[in-house]
Each structure stands twice: as C-alpha cells, then as structure tokens.
Amino acid sequence: MRIIIIIGNYSTKFYHLIWELMQAVATQLSFPLPQAGLEQQLKQANFKLDRLARLDGLTQVANRRRFHEFWWREWRRMQR
C-alpha cells in the first residue's frame, strides 16, 4: 500500500506534522500483519511445549503427567 500526499506551499512545521502523521498511519497499518505471524508462531510454540511436557524426552513415551490426565478423564467417564 502506498500513500501519496501532494504538498504545496506549506510551512516547514506543517510539512513535518504531515510527515509524522504519515509515519503514524504507516505504523498502524503495518502493525497487525507481523502480529498475526507472531500469534501463529506462539500457537506453534505452545503446542510443542505442551507435547514436550507430556512426553519423555528420551523414549517419547507418555510421562506421569499424561498418565494422570488420562486416568482422571477415564475415571470421570466411568462414573457417568
């Protein structure tokens, strides 16, 4: 996206105000795009962290945390 502003016979102070406004608008317009990418990276990192927290690093077998989660889920299912 490109913004073009034609400046005529304005004072230097006014020119700087317009330049600051253009920079602020450009910052606001470009900010959500990198943020969306960061949000996706955060989701992927959290998924990997969750997986690491539930698997043994050496054997890749479910660890005690995963066992307790599974046990409680099955216990609640059995009580229905």
N, C-alpha and C. Protein backbone atom coordinates (compact mmCIF):
# COMPACT_ATOMS: atom_id res chain seq x y z
N MET A 1 0.84 -1.16 0.00
CA MET A 1 0.00 0.00 0.00
C MET A 1 0.89 1.23 0.00
N ARG A 2 0.57 2.16 -0.83
CA ARG A 2 1.36 3.38 -0.90
C ARG A 2 0.45 4.57 -0.67
N ILE A 3 0.95 5.55 0.05
CA ILE A 3 0.22 6.76 0.33
C ILE A 3 0.97 7.92 -0.31
N ILE A 4 0.26 8.67 -1.10
CA ILE A 4 0.89 9.81 -1.76
C ILE A 4 0.18 11.08 -1.30
N ILE A 5 0.92 12.02 -0.80
CA ILE A 5 0.38 13.31 -0.38
C ILE A 5 1.12 14.39 -1.16
N ILE A 6 0.34 15.23 -1.80
CA ILE A 6 0.92 16.34 -2.56
C ILE A 6 0.93 17.55 -1.65
N ILE A 7 2.10 18.10 -1.44
CA ILE A 7 2.26 19.25 -0.55
C ILE A 7 2.61 20.46 -1.38
N GLY A 8 1.81 21.50 -1.20
CA GLY A 8 2.03 22.73 -1.96
C GLY A 8 2.91 23.69 -1.19
N ASN A 9 2.50 24.91 -1.08
CA ASN A 9 3.27 25.97 -0.41
C ASN A 9 2.92 26.01 1.08
N TYR A 10 3.30 25.00 1.80
CA TYR A 10 3.03 24.94 3.23
C TYR A 10 4.31 25.23 3.99
N SER A 11 4.16 25.62 5.25
CA SER A 11 5.33 25.90 6.07
C SER A 11 6.06 24.61 6.40
N THR A 12 7.30 24.74 6.80
CA THR A 12 8.12 23.58 7.17
C THR A 12 7.52 22.85 8.36
N LYS A 13 6.98 23.59 9.32
CA LYS A 13 6.38 22.98 10.50
C LYS A 13 5.19 22.11 10.09
N PHE A 14 4.37 22.61 9.19
CA PHE A 14 3.22 21.85 8.72
C PHE A 14 3.68 20.60 7.97
N TYR A 15 4.73 20.74 7.19
CA TYR A 15 5.29 19.60 6.45
C TYR A 15 5.72 18.51 7.41
N HIS A 16 6.38 18.88 8.50
CA HIS A 16 6.82 17.88 9.49
C HIS A 16 5.63 17.23 10.19
N LEU A 17 4.58 18.00 10.44
CA LEU A 17 3.38 17.41 11.04
C LEU A 17 2.74 16.38 10.11
N ILE A 18 2.70 16.70 8.83
CA ILE A 18 2.15 15.75 7.86
C ILE A 18 3.04 14.50 7.79
N TRP A 19 4.34 14.71 7.82
CA TRP A 19 5.27 13.57 7.78
C TRP A 19 5.09 12.67 9.00
N GLU A 20 4.93 13.24 10.17
CA GLU A 20 4.71 12.46 11.38
C GLU A 20 3.38 11.71 11.31
N LEU A 21 2.36 12.37 10.76
CA LEU A 21 1.07 11.72 10.59
C LEU A 21 1.18 10.54 9.63
N MET A 22 1.90 10.72 8.53
CA MET A 22 2.10 9.63 7.57
C MET A 22 2.82 8.45 8.22
N GLN A 23 3.83 8.74 9.03
CA GLN A 23 4.56 7.67 9.71
C GLN A 23 3.67 6.95 10.71
N ALA A 24 2.83 7.69 11.43
CA ALA A 24 1.92 7.07 12.40
C ALA A 24 0.91 6.18 11.70
N VAL A 25 0.37 6.65 10.58
CA VAL A 25 -0.60 5.84 9.82
C VAL A 25 0.08 4.59 9.27
N ALA A 26 1.27 4.75 8.72
CA ALA A 26 2.00 3.59 8.19
C ALA A 26 2.30 2.58 9.28
N THR A 27 2.64 3.04 10.47
CA THR A 27 2.91 2.14 11.60
C THR A 27 1.64 1.40 11.98
N GLN A 28 0.53 2.10 12.07
CA GLN A 28 -0.74 1.47 12.44
C GLN A 28 -1.18 0.46 11.40
N LEU A 29 -0.97 0.75 10.13
CA LEU A 29 -1.39 -0.15 9.07
C LEU A 29 -0.51 -1.39 8.98
N SER A 30 0.76 -1.24 9.28
CA SER A 30 1.68 -2.37 9.14
C SER A 30 1.78 -3.21 10.40
N PHE A 31 1.28 -2.74 11.52
CA PHE A 31 1.45 -3.47 12.78
C PHE A 31 0.70 -4.79 12.84
N PRO A 32 -0.58 -4.88 12.41
CA PRO A 32 -1.30 -6.15 12.55
C PRO A 32 -0.71 -7.30 11.73
N LEU A 33 -0.06 -7.01 10.61
CA LEU A 33 0.47 -8.09 9.78
C LEU A 33 1.57 -8.88 10.49
N PRO A 34 2.61 -8.24 11.04
CA PRO A 34 3.61 -9.02 11.78
C PRO A 34 3.01 -9.66 13.03
N GLN A 35 2.04 -9.01 13.65
CA GLN A 35 1.44 -9.55 14.87
C GLN A 35 0.71 -10.86 14.57
N ALA A 36 0.07 -10.96 13.42
CA ALA A 36 -0.62 -12.20 13.05
C ALA A 36 0.39 -13.34 12.91
N GLY A 37 1.55 -13.04 12.33
CA GLY A 37 2.59 -14.06 12.21
C GLY A 37 3.14 -14.48 13.57
N LEU A 38 3.27 -13.51 14.46
CA LEU A 38 3.75 -13.83 15.81
C LEU A 38 2.74 -14.67 16.57
N GLU A 39 1.46 -14.40 16.37
CA GLU A 39 0.42 -15.19 17.04
C GLU A 39 0.48 -16.64 16.58
N GLN A 40 0.68 -16.86 15.30
CA GLN A 40 0.80 -18.22 14.78
C GLN A 40 2.05 -18.90 15.34
N GLN A 41 3.16 -18.18 15.42
CA GLN A 41 4.38 -18.76 16.00
C GLN A 41 4.17 -19.10 17.46
N LEU A 42 3.44 -18.26 18.18
CA LEU A 42 3.16 -18.52 19.60
C LEU A 42 2.30 -19.78 19.75
N LYS A 43 1.31 -19.95 18.90
CA LYS A 43 0.47 -21.15 18.96
C LYS A 43 1.31 -22.41 18.71
N GLN A 44 2.19 -22.34 17.72
CA GLN A 44 3.04 -23.49 17.41
C GLN A 44 3.99 -23.79 18.56
N ALA A 45 4.56 -22.74 19.17
CA ALA A 45 5.47 -22.94 20.30
C ALA A 45 4.73 -23.54 21.49
N ASN A 46 3.52 -23.07 21.76
CA ASN A 46 2.74 -23.62 22.86
C ASN A 46 2.36 -25.07 22.61
N PHE A 47 2.06 -25.41 21.36
CA PHE A 47 1.75 -26.80 21.02
C PHE A 47 2.97 -27.70 21.28
N LYS A 48 4.14 -27.24 20.84
CA LYS A 48 5.36 -28.01 21.06
C LYS A 48 5.68 -28.14 22.54
N LEU A 49 5.50 -27.06 23.28
CA LEU A 49 5.75 -27.08 24.72
C LEU A 49 4.81 -28.05 25.43
N ASP A 50 3.54 -28.04 25.03
CA ASP A 50 2.56 -28.95 25.61
C ASP A 50 2.95 -30.40 25.34
N ARG A 51 3.41 -30.65 24.13
CA ARG A 51 3.84 -32.01 23.76
C ARG A 51 5.07 -32.43 24.57
N LEU A 52 6.02 -31.50 24.72
CA LEU A 52 7.22 -31.82 25.50
C LEU A 52 6.89 -32.08 26.97
N ALA A 53 5.88 -31.40 27.48
CA ALA A 53 5.51 -31.56 28.89
C ALA A 53 4.84 -32.91 29.14
N ARG A 54 4.34 -33.56 28.10
CA ARG A 54 3.62 -34.81 28.28
C ARG A 54 4.38 -36.05 27.81
N LEU A 55 5.53 -35.85 27.18
CA LEU A 55 6.31 -36.99 26.69
C LEU A 55 7.70 -37.00 27.30
N ASP A 56 8.20 -38.20 27.53
CA ASP A 56 9.57 -38.36 27.99
C ASP A 56 10.50 -37.99 26.84
N GLY A 57 11.51 -37.21 27.12
CA GLY A 57 12.40 -36.74 26.07
C GLY A 57 13.23 -37.82 25.42
N LEU A 58 13.59 -38.83 26.16
CA LEU A 58 14.44 -39.88 25.62
C LEU A 58 13.65 -40.95 24.88
N THR A 59 12.59 -41.43 25.50
CA THR A 59 11.85 -42.56 24.93
C THR A 59 10.63 -42.14 24.11
N GLN A 60 10.20 -40.90 24.25
CA GLN A 60 8.99 -40.40 23.59
C GLN A 60 7.73 -41.16 24.03
N VAL A 61 7.77 -41.71 25.24
CA VAL A 61 6.62 -42.39 25.83
C VAL A 61 5.94 -41.39 26.75
N ALA A 62 4.61 -41.52 26.86
CA ALA A 62 3.84 -40.61 27.72
C ALA A 62 4.38 -40.67 29.15
N ASN A 63 4.49 -39.51 29.80
CA ASN A 63 5.04 -39.46 31.15
C ASN A 63 3.93 -39.45 32.20
N ARG A 64 4.31 -39.23 33.43
CA ARG A 64 3.37 -39.30 34.54
C ARG A 64 2.26 -38.25 34.42
N ARG A 65 2.57 -37.07 33.95
CA ARG A 65 1.54 -36.04 33.78
C ARG A 65 0.46 -36.52 32.82
N ARG A 66 0.89 -37.07 31.70
CA ARG A 66 -0.06 -37.59 30.72
C ARG A 66 -0.86 -38.74 31.30
N PHE A 67 -0.21 -39.59 32.07
CA PHE A 67 -0.90 -40.71 32.70
C PHE A 67 -2.00 -40.21 33.63
N HIS A 68 -1.71 -39.19 34.45
CA HIS A 68 -2.71 -38.67 35.38
C HIS A 68 -3.87 -38.01 34.62
N GLU A 69 -3.58 -37.30 33.57
CA GLU A 69 -4.66 -36.70 32.77
C GLU A 69 -5.56 -37.78 32.19
N PHE A 70 -4.93 -38.80 31.63
CA PHE A 70 -5.70 -39.89 31.05
C PHE A 70 -6.50 -40.60 32.13
N TRP A 71 -5.91 -40.88 33.26
CA TRP A 71 -6.57 -41.59 34.36
C TRP A 71 -7.80 -40.83 34.85
N TRP A 72 -7.65 -39.50 35.07
CA TRP A 72 -8.77 -38.70 35.54
C TRP A 72 -9.89 -38.64 34.51
N ARG A 73 -9.57 -38.53 33.25
CA ARG A 73 -10.58 -38.50 32.20
C ARG A 73 -11.35 -39.81 32.16
N GLU A 74 -10.64 -40.93 32.24
CA GLU A 74 -11.29 -42.24 32.24
C GLU A 74 -12.11 -42.44 33.51
N TRP A 75 -11.61 -41.96 34.64
CA TRP A 75 -12.33 -42.09 35.91
C TRP A 75 -13.67 -41.35 35.83
N ARG A 76 -13.62 -40.12 35.31
CA ARG A 76 -14.87 -39.34 35.16
C ARG A 76 -15.81 -40.00 34.16
N ARG A 77 -15.28 -40.55 33.11
CA ARG A 77 -16.11 -41.24 32.11
C ARG A 77 -16.78 -42.47 32.72
N MET A 78 -16.03 -43.17 33.55
CA MET A 78 -16.56 -44.37 34.18
C MET A 78 -17.70 -44.03 35.16
N GLN A 79 -17.64 -42.88 35.80
CA GLN A 79 -18.64 -42.51 36.80
C GLN A 79 -19.98 -42.10 36.17
N ARG A 80 -20.02 -41.86 34.90
CA ARG A 80 -21.29 -41.46 34.26
C ARG A 80 -22.29 -42.57 34.21
